[in-house]
Amino acid sequence: MRTLVIGLPLPHVSFDNFSFLSAPSFFDYEAMIVEAAAVSRVIEDVMEGRAEHRTHDSLPVVNGPGGTSAMGLTDLLRVRRLETERFLGRGGLLACFAYSDAPHPGVDGFPDCRRYSWLPAPSGLSYAEPWLLPGFGHRGAEASDPSHPFAHYVGLYGSRLAFRAHFDEQAPGAVEAMRVFARSPGGAAVGVEVTAGGGTIVFIPPLGDLDMGRDRMPLAQTLAECIEAALQPSGETPPHWMRKETAIPGREEEEP
């Protein structure tokens, strides 16, 4: 099994790393990891002409009509939405580093484009207020449901997690739609699992002090273990991380 990783290069033997625009078709994978803020960055790169981006078959992405020698940003965003729907329809697992919603009104032909326009939501909800709200966490998070596969990630990184969004459990339909497995020190829902389109979406808080040199390899290993556990059929042998502790760089400094 291979995992498609979008927006945050993670070194792991089972991971394929791409940007949101350069990735191959989403539905050819069983699992994905998406850095939501990076999705916005590449959209705005094209929208504002800050950097050149190309599709997986090397066509330049342009903020305007496409053709035989370029692909329009709006067309590619539409395709990514369809790919995600098919990915989820096949029972895919998508882990998303959660950020609050953001508009991208400068996308030609798509004035209502937003950060999560490509991602289906549970029925009756959207990835915006009143359900998904901005967050400014800096004091970490704790696993409130230790049985959840991604509680492993929360437990290992603990105080280093800095949530940038949280889910309001009082929003209409929210309680029925989501499983909360991580909370901020104040009790906000910052680690949440939802079902949409037949698949599973897991929102996790990002590391607030990510060190690209030291953290990427252990982070990749941890997320690979979480995905393995989440996709494991019930009744099989627990993954190895449930039988031994994984060392995390910097963790030893936090011990009393």
Protein backbone atom coordinates (compact mmCIF):
# COMPACT_ATOMS: atom_id res chain seq x y z
CA MET A 1 0.00 0.00 0.00
CA ARG A 2 1.25 3.48 -0.89
CA THR A 3 0.26 6.81 0.63
CA LEU A 4 0.06 10.06 -1.32
CA VAL A 5 1.50 12.97 0.67
CA ILE A 6 0.52 16.51 -0.34
CA GLY A 7 2.34 19.67 0.69
CA LEU A 8 4.78 18.37 3.33
CA PRO A 9 7.63 16.17 2.06
CA LEU A 10 7.89 13.16 4.38
CA PRO A 11 10.58 10.51 3.84
CA HIS A 12 9.09 7.03 4.07
CA VAL A 13 9.37 3.99 1.84
CA SER A 14 5.58 3.88 1.32
CA PHE A 15 5.04 7.63 0.73
CA ASP A 16 4.80 9.46 -2.61
CA ASN A 17 5.41 13.20 -2.10
CA PHE A 18 3.88 15.84 -4.37
CA SER A 19 2.23 19.24 -4.31
CA PHE A 20 -1.54 19.58 -4.61
CA LEU A 21 -1.15 20.56 -8.26
CA SER A 22 1.64 18.17 -9.33
CA ALA A 23 0.26 14.99 -7.75
CA PRO A 24 -0.96 12.00 -9.76
CA SER A 25 -4.64 11.03 -9.54
CA PHE A 26 -5.77 10.83 -5.92
CA PHE A 27 -8.04 7.83 -6.42
CA ASP A 28 -5.14 5.50 -7.24
CA TYR A 29 -4.18 5.54 -3.54
CA GLU A 30 -5.74 3.99 -0.46
CA ALA A 31 -4.46 6.70 1.88
CA MET A 32 -3.50 10.37 1.68
CA ILE A 33 -1.85 12.93 3.96
CA VAL A 34 -2.63 16.56 3.15
CA GLU A 35 -1.17 19.74 4.62
CA ALA A 36 -4.14 22.08 4.15
CA ALA A 37 -2.16 25.33 4.36
CA ALA A 38 0.11 24.11 1.54
CA VAL A 39 -2.94 23.61 -0.68
CA SER A 40 -3.72 27.31 -0.30
CA ARG A 41 -0.12 28.31 -0.95
CA VAL A 42 0.10 26.63 -4.35
CA ILE A 43 -3.33 27.94 -5.39
CA GLU A 44 -2.19 31.47 -4.56
CA ASP A 45 1.17 30.91 -6.27
CA VAL A 46 -0.68 30.35 -9.54
CA MET A 47 -3.33 32.96 -8.85
CA GLU A 48 -0.76 35.69 -8.19
CA GLY A 49 1.95 34.49 -10.57
CA ARG A 50 4.45 33.94 -7.74
CA ALA A 51 5.78 30.60 -8.94
CA GLU A 52 5.32 28.14 -11.77
CA HIS A 53 3.49 24.90 -11.07
CA ARG A 54 2.93 21.97 -13.39
CA THR A 55 0.54 19.04 -13.48
CA HIS A 56 1.82 15.48 -13.11
CA ASP A 57 2.11 15.27 -16.91
CA SER A 58 4.15 18.50 -16.98
CA LEU A 59 1.52 20.94 -18.26
CA PRO A 60 1.93 24.41 -16.72
CA VAL A 61 -0.98 25.45 -14.50
CA VAL A 62 -2.37 28.89 -15.39
CA ASN A 63 -4.95 31.14 -13.79
CA GLY A 64 -7.11 31.29 -16.88
CA PRO A 65 -8.36 29.10 -19.72
CA GLY A 66 -6.33 25.99 -20.39
CA GLY A 67 -5.72 24.16 -23.64
CA THR A 68 -3.34 21.72 -25.25
CA SER A 69 -0.26 23.41 -23.77
CA ALA A 70 -1.53 24.43 -20.30
CA MET A 71 -4.17 23.52 -17.73
CA GLY A 72 -6.45 26.08 -16.18
CA LEU A 73 -6.37 26.29 -12.39
CA THR A 74 -10.15 26.10 -12.17
CA ASP A 75 -10.20 22.95 -14.31
CA LEU A 76 -7.54 21.31 -12.17
CA LEU A 77 -9.37 22.19 -8.95
CA ARG A 78 -12.53 20.65 -10.39
CA VAL A 79 -10.63 17.49 -11.29
CA ARG A 80 -9.12 17.30 -7.79
CA ARG A 81 -12.62 17.46 -6.31
CA LEU A 82 -13.78 14.62 -8.55
CA GLU A 83 -10.67 12.59 -7.72
CA THR A 84 -11.23 13.09 -4.00
CA GLU A 85 -14.85 12.00 -4.30
CA ARG A 86 -13.73 8.83 -6.09
CA PHE A 87 -10.92 8.28 -3.56
CA LEU A 88 -13.39 8.48 -0.66
CA GLY A 89 -15.95 6.42 -2.56
CA ARG A 90 -13.40 3.60 -2.66
CA GLY A 91 -13.12 3.77 1.14
CA GLY A 92 -9.97 5.88 1.21
CA LEU A 93 -8.39 7.32 4.36
CA LEU A 94 -7.35 10.98 4.26
CA ALA A 95 -5.34 12.52 7.11
CA CYS A 96 -5.39 16.31 7.00
CA PHE A 97 -3.32 18.78 9.02
CA ALA A 98 -6.18 21.10 9.91
CA TYR A 99 -6.29 24.85 9.33
CA SER A 100 -9.30 27.16 9.28
CA ASP A 101 -11.09 27.97 6.06
CA ALA A 102 -9.70 30.62 3.69
CA PRO A 103 -11.13 32.19 0.51
CA HIS A 104 -9.27 32.35 -2.82
CA PRO A 105 -11.44 34.85 -4.76
CA GLY A 106 -8.82 35.51 -7.43
CA VAL A 107 -9.14 32.11 -9.13
CA ASP A 108 -10.30 32.83 -12.67
CA GLY A 109 -13.72 31.33 -13.31
CA PHE A 110 -14.08 30.14 -9.70
CA PRO A 111 -14.74 33.23 -7.53
CA ASP A 112 -16.11 31.10 -4.67
CA CYS A 113 -12.96 28.98 -4.40
CA ARG A 114 -11.94 28.19 -0.83
CA ARG A 115 -9.23 26.18 0.90
CA TYR A 116 -11.41 23.08 1.22
CA SER A 117 -13.40 23.34 -2.02
CA TRP A 118 -11.78 20.10 -3.17
CA LEU A 119 -12.78 18.13 -0.05
CA PRO A 120 -16.29 16.68 0.45
CA ALA A 121 -17.83 17.30 3.88
CA PRO A 122 -20.33 15.27 5.89
CA SER A 123 -23.95 15.89 4.92
CA GLY A 124 -25.26 19.22 6.22
CA LEU A 125 -21.81 20.55 7.20
CA SER A 126 -19.04 22.56 5.55
CA TYR A 127 -15.43 23.25 6.46
CA ALA A 128 -16.20 26.78 7.63
CA GLU A 129 -18.00 28.58 10.42
CA PRO A 130 -19.96 27.66 12.47
CA TRP A 131 -18.38 24.18 12.45
CA LEU A 132 -14.70 24.74 11.61
CA LEU A 133 -13.26 27.74 13.43
CA PRO A 134 -9.81 29.38 13.59
CA GLY A 135 -7.55 28.34 16.45
CA PHE A 136 -4.38 29.75 17.98
CA GLY A 137 -3.19 26.89 20.13
CA HIS A 138 0.32 26.81 21.55
CA ARG A 139 0.00 24.62 24.65
CA GLY A 140 -0.31 21.25 22.95
CA ALA A 141 -3.09 18.69 22.77
CA GLU A 142 -4.01 15.47 24.51
CA ALA A 143 -5.57 12.27 23.22
CA SER A 144 -9.11 12.08 24.58
CA ASP A 145 -9.81 8.73 22.85
CA PRO A 146 -6.71 6.52 23.24
CA SER A 147 -8.28 3.79 21.09
CA HIS A 148 -8.25 5.97 17.97
CA PRO A 149 -5.37 5.12 15.58
CA PHE A 150 -4.22 8.75 15.37
CA ALA A 151 -4.13 9.08 19.16
CA HIS A 152 -0.65 7.59 18.67
CA TYR A 153 0.43 10.78 16.85
CA VAL A 154 -1.15 13.02 19.49
CA GLY A 155 0.38 11.06 22.34
CA LEU A 156 3.90 11.12 20.93
CA TYR A 157 4.02 14.80 20.01
CA GLY A 158 1.86 16.10 22.86
CA SER A 159 2.95 19.57 23.91
CA ARG A 160 4.53 20.30 20.51
CA LEU A 161 1.15 20.35 18.75
CA ALA A 162 -0.17 23.83 17.96
CA PHE A 163 -3.69 23.69 16.58
CA ARG A 164 -4.67 26.23 13.92
CA ALA A 165 -8.34 25.25 13.81
CA HIS A 166 -10.90 23.59 16.04
CA PHE A 167 -14.33 22.07 15.52
CA ASP A 168 -17.38 23.45 17.33
CA GLU A 169 -19.35 20.57 18.80
CA GLN A 170 -22.36 22.87 19.25
CA ALA A 171 -22.75 23.46 15.50
CA PRO A 172 -25.93 21.87 14.10
CA GLY A 173 -25.26 18.26 13.14
CA ALA A 174 -21.68 18.27 14.45
CA VAL A 175 -22.00 15.78 17.30
CA GLU A 176 -23.55 13.13 15.06
CA ALA A 177 -20.98 13.63 12.31
CA MET A 178 -17.66 13.44 14.12
CA ARG A 179 -15.57 11.37 16.49
CA VAL A 180 -13.31 13.53 18.68
CA PHE A 181 -10.02 11.89 19.65
CA ALA A 182 -7.87 14.90 20.67
CA ARG A 183 -8.58 18.03 22.67
CA SER A 184 -6.76 21.23 23.52
CA PRO A 185 -5.98 22.07 27.17
CA GLY A 186 -9.25 24.05 27.17
CA GLY A 187 -11.25 21.12 25.83
CA ALA A 188 -11.65 22.21 22.20
CA ALA A 189 -11.99 19.44 19.61
CA VAL A 190 -8.72 19.59 17.65
CA GLY A 191 -8.42 15.96 16.54
CA VAL A 192 -11.53 14.78 14.72
CA GLU A 193 -12.59 11.92 12.46
CA VAL A 194 -15.50 12.25 10.04
CA THR A 195 -17.04 10.09 7.34
CA ALA A 196 -17.76 11.63 3.95
CA GLY A 197 -18.53 10.09 0.57
CA GLY A 198 -17.89 6.58 1.83
CA GLY A 199 -14.38 7.29 3.12
CA THR A 200 -12.73 8.54 6.29
CA ILE A 201 -11.19 11.97 6.90
CA VAL A 202 -9.04 12.50 9.99
CA PHE A 203 -8.14 16.06 10.98
CA ILE A 204 -5.03 16.42 13.14
CA PRO A 205 -3.27 19.47 14.62
CA PRO A 206 0.13 20.28 13.09
CA LEU A 207 3.42 20.58 14.93
CA GLY A 208 3.98 24.17 15.97
CA ASP A 209 7.78 23.92 15.89
CA LEU A 210 8.38 21.56 12.99
CA ASP A 211 12.10 21.13 12.35
CA MET A 212 12.45 20.02 8.73
CA GLY A 213 15.84 18.50 9.48
CA ARG A 214 15.08 16.49 12.61
CA ASP A 215 11.34 15.91 12.54
CA ARG A 216 10.39 14.73 9.08
CA MET A 217 11.65 11.14 9.37
CA PRO A 218 10.08 10.31 12.77
CA LEU A 219 6.92 12.18 11.80
CA ALA A 220 6.66 10.13 8.61
CA GLN A 221 7.14 6.91 10.55
CA THR A 222 4.51 7.89 13.12
CA LEU A 223 1.92 8.80 10.48
CA ALA A 224 2.64 5.60 8.55
CA GLU A 225 1.94 3.64 11.75
CA CYS A 226 -1.31 5.54 12.33
CA ILE A 227 -2.46 4.84 8.78
CA GLU A 228 -1.52 1.17 9.07
CA ALA A 229 -3.56 0.88 12.25
CA ALA A 230 -6.53 2.78 10.80
CA LEU A 231 -6.71 0.56 7.71
CA GLN A 232 -6.11 -2.69 9.58
CA PRO A 233 -9.12 -5.03 9.54
CA SER A 234 -10.54 -5.64 13.00
CA GLY A 235 -9.28 -8.74 14.75
CA GLU A 236 -5.77 -8.67 13.27
CA THR A 237 -2.56 -8.39 15.32
CA PRO A 238 -2.07 -4.86 16.69
CA PRO A 239 0.62 -2.81 14.92
CA HIS A 240 4.08 -2.79 16.50
CA TRP A 241 3.76 0.76 17.87
CA MET A 242 1.12 -0.51 20.32
CA ARG A 243 3.71 -2.93 21.69
CA LYS A 244 6.68 -0.58 22.01
CA GLU A 245 7.38 3.13 22.37
CA THR A 246 8.74 5.18 19.48
CA ALA A 247 11.48 7.69 20.29
CA ILE A 248 10.74 11.25 19.20
CA PRO A 249 13.58 13.80 18.85
CA GLY A 250 13.23 16.49 21.51
CA ARG A 251 10.91 14.41 23.64
CA GLU A 252 13.63 13.56 26.16
CA GLU A 253 14.11 17.25 26.95
CA GLU A 254 10.49 17.47 28.07
CA GLU A 255 10.80 14.67 30.64
CA PRO A 256 11.21 15.83 34.29
